[in-house]
């Protein structure tokens, strides 16, 4: 268990939870999933933990009155390496953290940050399925408590049935073996389990374009199964699902779908994520994230209410 003297402070703005960036460190237990468990409820998004560790180490360096240029030589590192560690872009081992704590005169934080360092070094649960750190989004989602999502061309991954996911994966430009395909689908299904998890719940607010309800990805039978699943998922207490009517004008200005992640009391700032045909990118500047939140707000105001959206999905599903 990891604790710190920082006291969490948060306020609600709409459906997003805005947290004090110096709130308590995460109270998590990191361990890889066994053969008999999926990993749901095991918060091991090591990417986020690494960033939290780096932020704490940066604060300690600044409190010690040291610049990057002054501290790095005493650690036998370059200033650029120390900067990457502090921003979570580069891993640091226990020995490195011990040296930093000695240099910064922070002996009282020893047990806490050494423990966090060990947790941050653990592999993410998804890596047991052959996915690597390049699949960074999963690491962030694993530690998120709220996902706000807008999709134009397909059902969000957290709401897809396996056959629908298979159709999307096989139609992409990424070549996968049968094993890689099966693992990719399995990981997506595991991610969805948090929507019904009591130990590690995830809230989803999703806006989908109306055209998605009619697009036969995988064929008519797969679409029928997917629509039935949307009807069930929309009634989960953790899911808020809204349909943006085709007549709504705002979607034309979007260009692509996007996601905003909120990390609750971890103290990690909200992050926007955009996936496109040639890859994906995360947006972390406050102005970009604020703009993404505003866009989501406009889309939700133009979309049907959750109740009307459910009625429309049921209507389309009945005729599918």
Protein backbone atom coordinates (compact mmCIF):
# COMPACT_ATOMS: atom_id res chain seq x y z
CA UNK A 1 0.00 0.00 0.00
CA UNK A 2 1.25 3.50 -0.84
CA UNK A 3 0.20 6.57 1.10
CA UNK A 4 1.35 10.15 1.32
CA UNK A 5 0.68 13.22 3.43
CA UNK A 6 -1.19 14.85 0.58
CA UNK A 7 -4.91 15.21 1.15
CA UNK A 8 -7.19 14.67 -1.86
CA UNK A 9 -9.33 17.57 -2.91
CA UNK A 10 -11.77 17.29 -5.81
CA UNK A 11 -14.81 19.02 -7.23
CA UNK A 12 -17.30 18.00 -9.90
CA UNK A 13 -17.55 19.92 -13.15
CA UNK A 14 -20.26 18.30 -15.18
CA UNK A 15 -19.51 14.59 -15.29
CA UNK A 16 -15.75 15.00 -14.96
CA UNK A 17 -13.87 14.89 -11.66
CA UNK A 18 -11.22 17.57 -11.42
CA UNK A 19 -8.53 16.69 -8.88
CA UNK A 20 -5.84 18.52 -7.02
CA UNK A 21 -2.60 17.53 -8.85
CA UNK A 22 -0.95 16.87 -5.47
CA UNK A 23 -3.57 14.56 -4.02
CA UNK A 24 -2.65 11.32 -2.31
CA UNK A 25 -0.69 8.68 -4.14
CA UNK A 26 -2.73 5.73 -5.44
CA UNK A 27 -3.74 3.02 -3.02
CA UNK A 28 -3.22 0.08 -5.34
CA UNK A 29 -1.93 -3.46 -5.36
CA UNK A 30 0.01 -4.45 -8.44
CA UNK A 31 0.22 -8.06 -9.55
CA UNK A 32 -0.04 -9.88 -12.87
CA UNK A 33 -3.21 -11.84 -13.59
CA UNK A 34 -3.09 -15.59 -13.07
CA UNK A 35 -4.32 -18.19 -15.54
CA UNK A 36 -7.70 -18.20 -13.83
CA UNK A 37 -8.38 -14.49 -13.75
CA UNK A 38 -8.61 -11.81 -16.37
CA UNK A 39 -6.92 -9.03 -14.42
CA UNK A 40 -10.10 -7.01 -13.91
CA UNK A 41 -9.97 -5.17 -10.61
CA UNK A 42 -6.18 -5.20 -10.70
CA UNK A 43 -5.12 -1.63 -11.37
CA UNK A 44 -1.73 -2.01 -12.99
CA UNK A 45 -1.57 0.73 -15.58
CA UNK A 46 2.17 1.11 -15.01
CA UNK A 47 2.36 4.03 -17.46
CA UNK A 48 0.26 6.18 -15.13
CA UNK A 49 2.09 5.02 -12.00
CA UNK A 50 5.41 5.91 -13.64
CA UNK A 51 4.13 9.42 -14.32
CA UNK A 52 2.91 9.79 -10.72
CA UNK A 53 6.32 8.66 -9.43
CA UNK A 54 8.09 11.09 -11.76
CA UNK A 55 5.90 13.97 -10.64
CA UNK A 56 6.60 13.25 -6.97
CA UNK A 57 10.35 13.08 -7.62
CA UNK A 58 10.24 16.37 -9.52
CA UNK A 59 8.46 18.07 -6.62
CA UNK A 60 11.08 16.77 -4.19
CA UNK A 61 13.91 18.05 -6.40
CA UNK A 62 12.30 21.48 -6.60
CA UNK A 63 11.70 21.54 -2.84
CA UNK A 64 15.41 20.76 -2.40
CA UNK A 65 16.20 23.86 -4.50
CA UNK A 66 17.91 21.89 -7.28
CA UNK A 67 17.56 22.45 -11.01
CA UNK A 68 17.77 19.62 -13.52
CA UNK A 69 21.22 20.82 -14.51
CA UNK A 70 22.47 20.78 -10.90
CA UNK A 71 20.89 17.49 -9.85
CA UNK A 72 21.66 15.34 -12.91
CA UNK A 73 25.50 15.26 -12.61
CA UNK A 74 25.28 14.15 -8.96
CA UNK A 75 23.16 11.22 -10.14
CA UNK A 76 25.57 10.44 -13.01
CA UNK A 77 22.78 11.19 -15.49
CA UNK A 78 22.24 13.78 -18.15
CA UNK A 79 19.67 16.51 -17.53
CA UNK A 80 17.58 15.13 -20.38
CA UNK A 81 17.45 11.66 -18.77
CA UNK A 82 16.37 13.12 -15.44
CA UNK A 83 13.72 15.16 -17.23
CA UNK A 84 12.37 12.05 -18.99
CA UNK A 85 12.17 10.22 -15.66
CA UNK A 86 10.27 13.10 -14.08
CA UNK A 87 7.76 13.18 -16.94
CA UNK A 88 7.28 9.41 -16.89
CA UNK A 89 8.76 8.93 -20.36
CA UNK A 90 11.59 6.75 -19.04
CA UNK A 91 11.61 4.07 -16.37
CA UNK A 92 13.75 4.38 -13.29
CA UNK A 93 14.84 1.50 -11.08
CA UNK A 94 14.87 1.28 -7.29
CA UNK A 95 18.57 2.18 -7.11
CA UNK A 96 17.94 5.34 -9.10
CA UNK A 97 15.07 6.39 -6.83
CA UNK A 98 17.18 5.74 -3.73
CA UNK A 99 19.94 7.97 -5.14
CA UNK A 100 17.44 10.73 -5.89
CA UNK A 101 15.90 10.56 -2.41
CA UNK A 102 19.37 10.72 -0.83
CA UNK A 103 20.31 13.72 -2.95
CA UNK A 104 17.04 15.53 -2.22
CA UNK A 105 17.20 14.82 1.52
CA UNK A 106 13.82 13.09 1.46
CA UNK A 107 14.43 10.11 3.73
CA UNK A 108 10.89 10.36 5.12
CA UNK A 109 9.51 9.43 1.69
CA UNK A 110 11.82 6.41 1.25
CA UNK A 111 9.40 3.50 1.86
CA UNK A 112 6.53 5.19 0.07
CA UNK A 113 8.31 6.04 -3.18
CA UNK A 114 10.43 2.87 -3.32
CA UNK A 115 7.17 0.90 -3.08
CA UNK A 116 5.61 3.02 -5.83
CA UNK A 117 8.72 2.51 -7.99
CA UNK A 118 8.42 -1.27 -7.69
CA UNK A 119 4.74 -1.10 -8.61
CA UNK A 120 5.45 1.11 -11.61
CA UNK A 121 7.95 -1.46 -12.90
CA UNK A 122 5.35 -4.22 -13.09
CA UNK A 123 4.08 -5.18 -16.53
CA UNK A 124 0.54 -4.22 -17.42
CA UNK A 125 -2.00 -7.05 -17.43
CA UNK A 126 -2.49 -6.68 -21.19
CA UNK A 127 1.16 -7.54 -21.86
CA UNK A 128 0.38 -11.15 -20.91
CA UNK A 129 -1.61 -11.20 -24.16
CA UNK A 130 1.28 -10.07 -26.33
CA UNK A 131 0.51 -6.36 -26.36
CA UNK A 132 3.42 -4.08 -25.56
CA UNK A 133 3.96 -0.60 -24.16
CA UNK A 134 3.20 0.83 -27.60
CA UNK A 135 -0.42 0.09 -26.74
CA UNK A 136 -0.19 2.93 -24.25
CA UNK A 137 -3.90 3.77 -24.25
CA UNK A 138 -4.77 0.60 -22.33
CA UNK A 139 -2.36 1.58 -19.56
CA UNK A 140 -4.10 4.91 -19.16
CA UNK A 141 -7.59 3.43 -19.34
CA UNK A 142 -6.63 0.82 -16.73
CA UNK A 143 -6.05 3.60 -14.20
CA UNK A 144 -8.93 5.85 -15.34
CA UNK A 145 -12.21 6.06 -13.45
CA UNK A 146 -14.16 7.87 -16.19
CA UNK A 147 -14.01 7.52 -19.98
CA UNK A 148 -15.84 10.05 -22.14
CA UNK A 149 -15.94 8.96 -25.75
CA UNK A 150 -17.23 10.11 -29.13
CA UNK A 151 -17.12 7.79 -32.13
CA UNK A 152 -18.22 8.47 -35.69
CA UNK A 153 -17.72 5.25 -37.64
CA UNK A 154 -18.10 2.38 -35.17
CA UNK A 155 -19.27 1.33 -31.72
CA UNK A 156 -16.78 2.26 -28.94
CA UNK A 157 -14.45 -0.57 -27.97
CA UNK A 158 -15.87 -0.73 -24.45
CA UNK A 159 -19.30 -1.55 -25.91
CA UNK A 160 -18.36 -3.95 -28.72
CA UNK A 161 -19.30 -7.62 -28.88
CA UNK A 162 -16.49 -10.01 -29.81
CA UNK A 163 -17.72 -10.62 -33.37
CA UNK A 164 -17.89 -6.88 -34.00
CA UNK A 165 -14.35 -6.42 -32.67
CA UNK A 166 -13.13 -9.27 -34.84
CA UNK A 167 -14.61 -7.65 -37.94
CA UNK A 168 -12.94 -4.34 -37.15
CA UNK A 169 -9.56 -5.91 -36.42
CA UNK A 170 -9.56 -8.04 -39.57
CA UNK A 171 -10.50 -5.06 -41.75
CA UNK A 172 -7.70 -2.87 -40.39
CA UNK A 173 -4.33 -2.35 -42.06
CA UNK A 174 -2.53 -4.12 -39.20
CA UNK A 175 -1.54 -7.67 -40.07
CA UNK A 176 -2.25 -10.08 -37.20
CA UNK A 177 -1.78 -13.80 -36.82
CA UNK A 178 -4.76 -15.79 -35.58
CA UNK A 179 -3.24 -15.82 -32.10
CA UNK A 180 -2.65 -12.06 -32.16
CA UNK A 181 -6.21 -11.52 -33.35
CA UNK A 182 -7.63 -13.71 -30.58
CA UNK A 183 -5.51 -11.91 -27.99
CA UNK A 184 -6.56 -8.46 -29.23
CA UNK A 185 -10.22 -9.44 -28.94
CA UNK A 186 -9.66 -10.98 -25.49
CA UNK A 187 -8.02 -7.79 -24.23
CA UNK A 188 -10.94 -5.72 -25.48
CA UNK A 189 -13.43 -8.01 -23.74
CA UNK A 190 -11.43 -7.85 -20.50
CA UNK A 191 -11.43 -4.07 -20.61
CA UNK A 192 -15.22 -4.12 -20.74
CA UNK A 193 -15.50 -6.08 -17.49
CA UNK A 194 -14.74 -2.95 -15.48
CA UNK A 195 -18.15 -1.58 -16.49
CA UNK A 196 -19.73 -4.16 -14.18
CA UNK A 197 -16.90 -4.49 -11.64
CA UNK A 198 -17.62 -3.68 -8.00
CA UNK A 199 -13.97 -3.64 -6.98
CA UNK A 200 -12.59 -1.44 -9.77
CA UNK A 201 -15.52 0.24 -11.56
CA UNK A 202 -15.23 2.31 -14.71
CA UNK A 203 -17.80 4.89 -15.78
CA UNK A 204 -18.40 5.35 -19.51
CA UNK A 205 -20.08 8.32 -21.17
CA UNK A 206 -20.36 7.54 -24.89
CA UNK A 207 -21.76 9.54 -27.79
CA UNK A 208 -22.10 7.64 -31.07
CA UNK A 209 -23.12 8.90 -34.47
CA UNK A 210 -26.51 7.60 -35.59
CA UNK A 211 -24.99 6.13 -38.77
CA UNK A 212 -23.15 3.59 -36.59
CA UNK A 213 -26.49 1.90 -35.84
CA UNK A 214 -26.97 1.03 -39.51
CA UNK A 215 -23.39 0.23 -40.58
CA UNK A 216 -23.14 -3.54 -41.08
CA UNK A 217 -19.63 -4.10 -39.79
CA UNK A 218 -19.19 -7.87 -39.91
CA UNK A 219 -22.52 -8.35 -41.71
CA UNK A 220 -26.19 -8.11 -40.68
CA UNK A 221 -26.04 -10.87 -38.07
CA UNK A 222 -23.12 -9.24 -36.27
CA UNK A 223 -24.87 -5.88 -36.39
CA UNK A 224 -28.02 -7.42 -34.89
CA UNK A 225 -25.98 -8.92 -32.06
CA UNK A 226 -24.20 -5.61 -31.53
CA UNK A 227 -27.42 -3.61 -31.37
CA UNK A 228 -28.89 -6.02 -28.82
CA UNK A 229 -25.76 -5.60 -26.74
CA UNK A 230 -26.03 -1.80 -26.92
CA UNK A 231 -29.59 -2.02 -25.60
CA UNK A 232 -28.36 -4.03 -22.61
CA UNK A 233 -25.25 -1.92 -22.02
CA UNK A 234 -27.19 1.35 -22.14
CA UNK A 235 -29.14 0.19 -19.09
CA UNK A 236 -26.04 -0.37 -16.95
CA UNK A 237 -25.67 2.20 -14.15
CA UNK A 238 -22.06 2.76 -15.24
CA UNK A 239 -22.93 3.61 -18.85
CA UNK A 240 -24.42 6.78 -20.29
CA UNK A 241 -25.06 6.25 -24.00
CA UNK A 242 -26.31 8.97 -26.35
CA UNK A 243 -26.92 8.91 -30.08
CA UNK A 244 -26.08 11.94 -32.19
CA UNK A 245 -28.80 12.24 -34.88
CA UNK A 246 -27.66 12.39 -38.49
CA UNK A 247 -29.29 15.81 -38.81
CA UNK A 248 -27.07 17.27 -36.09
CA UNK A 249 -24.59 19.69 -37.59
CA UNK A 250 -21.84 19.48 -34.98
CA UNK A 251 -20.46 16.14 -36.09
CA UNK A 252 -19.39 17.60 -39.43
CA UNK A 253 -16.85 19.76 -37.61
CA UNK A 254 -15.38 16.90 -35.56
CA UNK A 255 -13.31 15.19 -38.24
CA UNK A 256 -12.69 12.16 -36.04
CA UNK A 257 -13.73 10.61 -32.80
CA UNK A 258 -11.87 11.28 -29.57
CA UNK A 259 -11.74 10.24 -25.93
CA UNK A 260 -11.19 12.08 -22.64
CA UNK A 261 -9.88 10.11 -19.66
CA UNK A 262 -10.25 11.15 -16.02
CA UNK A 263 -8.19 9.51 -13.27
CA UNK A 264 -10.14 10.39 -10.15
CA UNK A 265 -8.12 10.68 -6.96
CA UNK A 266 -4.82 9.58 -8.53
CA UNK A 267 -4.01 13.23 -9.13
CA UNK A 268 -3.17 12.61 -12.79
CA UNK A 269 -4.49 15.39 -15.07
CA UNK A 270 -7.22 14.53 -17.57
CA UNK A 271 -5.97 13.37 -20.96
CA UNK A 272 -7.50 13.51 -24.43
CA UNK A 273 -6.81 10.71 -26.90
CA UNK A 274 -7.39 10.66 -30.65
CA UNK A 275 -7.19 7.55 -32.82
CA UNK A 276 -6.93 7.90 -36.59
CA UNK A 277 -6.15 5.83 -39.68
CA UNK A 278 -2.38 6.26 -39.35
CA UNK A 279 -2.06 5.81 -35.60
CA UNK A 280 -3.04 7.57 -32.40
CA UNK A 281 -1.99 10.50 -30.27
CA UNK A 282 -2.56 11.69 -26.74
CA UNK A 283 -3.15 15.35 -25.92
CA UNK A 284 -2.17 16.51 -22.44
CA UNK A 285 -1.92 20.29 -22.65
CA UNK A 286 -4.64 21.82 -20.52
CA UNK A 287 -5.96 23.96 -23.39
CA UNK A 288 -6.35 20.89 -25.62
CA UNK A 289 -8.12 18.88 -22.92
CA UNK A 290 -10.44 21.77 -22.10
CA UNK A 291 -11.30 22.08 -25.78
CA UNK A 292 -12.04 18.35 -25.95
CA UNK A 293 -14.34 18.62 -22.93
CA UNK A 294 -16.18 21.55 -24.52
CA UNK A 295 -16.61 19.61 -27.76
CA UNK A 296 -18.02 16.66 -25.85
CA UNK A 297 -20.41 18.98 -24.07
CA UNK A 298 -21.66 20.39 -27.36
CA UNK A 299 -22.05 16.91 -28.81
CA UNK A 300 -24.00 15.71 -25.79
CA UNK A 301 -26.32 18.71 -25.98
CA UNK A 302 -26.98 17.99 -29.67
CA UNK A 303 -27.44 14.26 -29.07
CA UNK A 304 -30.63 12.53 -28.03
CA UNK A 305 -31.14 12.04 -24.32
CA UNK A 306 -30.05 8.65 -22.93
CA UNK A 307 -33.71 7.56 -22.77
CA UNK A 308 -34.48 8.65 -26.34
CA UNK A 309 -31.19 7.12 -27.53
CA UNK A 310 -32.14 3.78 -25.98
CA UNK A 311 -35.56 3.96 -27.64
CA UNK A 312 -33.95 4.59 -31.03
CA UNK A 313 -31.47 1.75 -30.62
CA UNK A 314 -34.32 -0.60 -29.67
CA UNK A 315 -36.26 0.51 -32.75
CA UNK A 316 -33.30 -0.10 -35.06
CA UNK A 317 -32.52 -3.42 -33.37
CA UNK A 318 -36.11 -4.60 -33.86
CA UNK A 319 -35.84 -4.07 -37.60
CA UNK A 320 -32.31 -5.43 -37.97
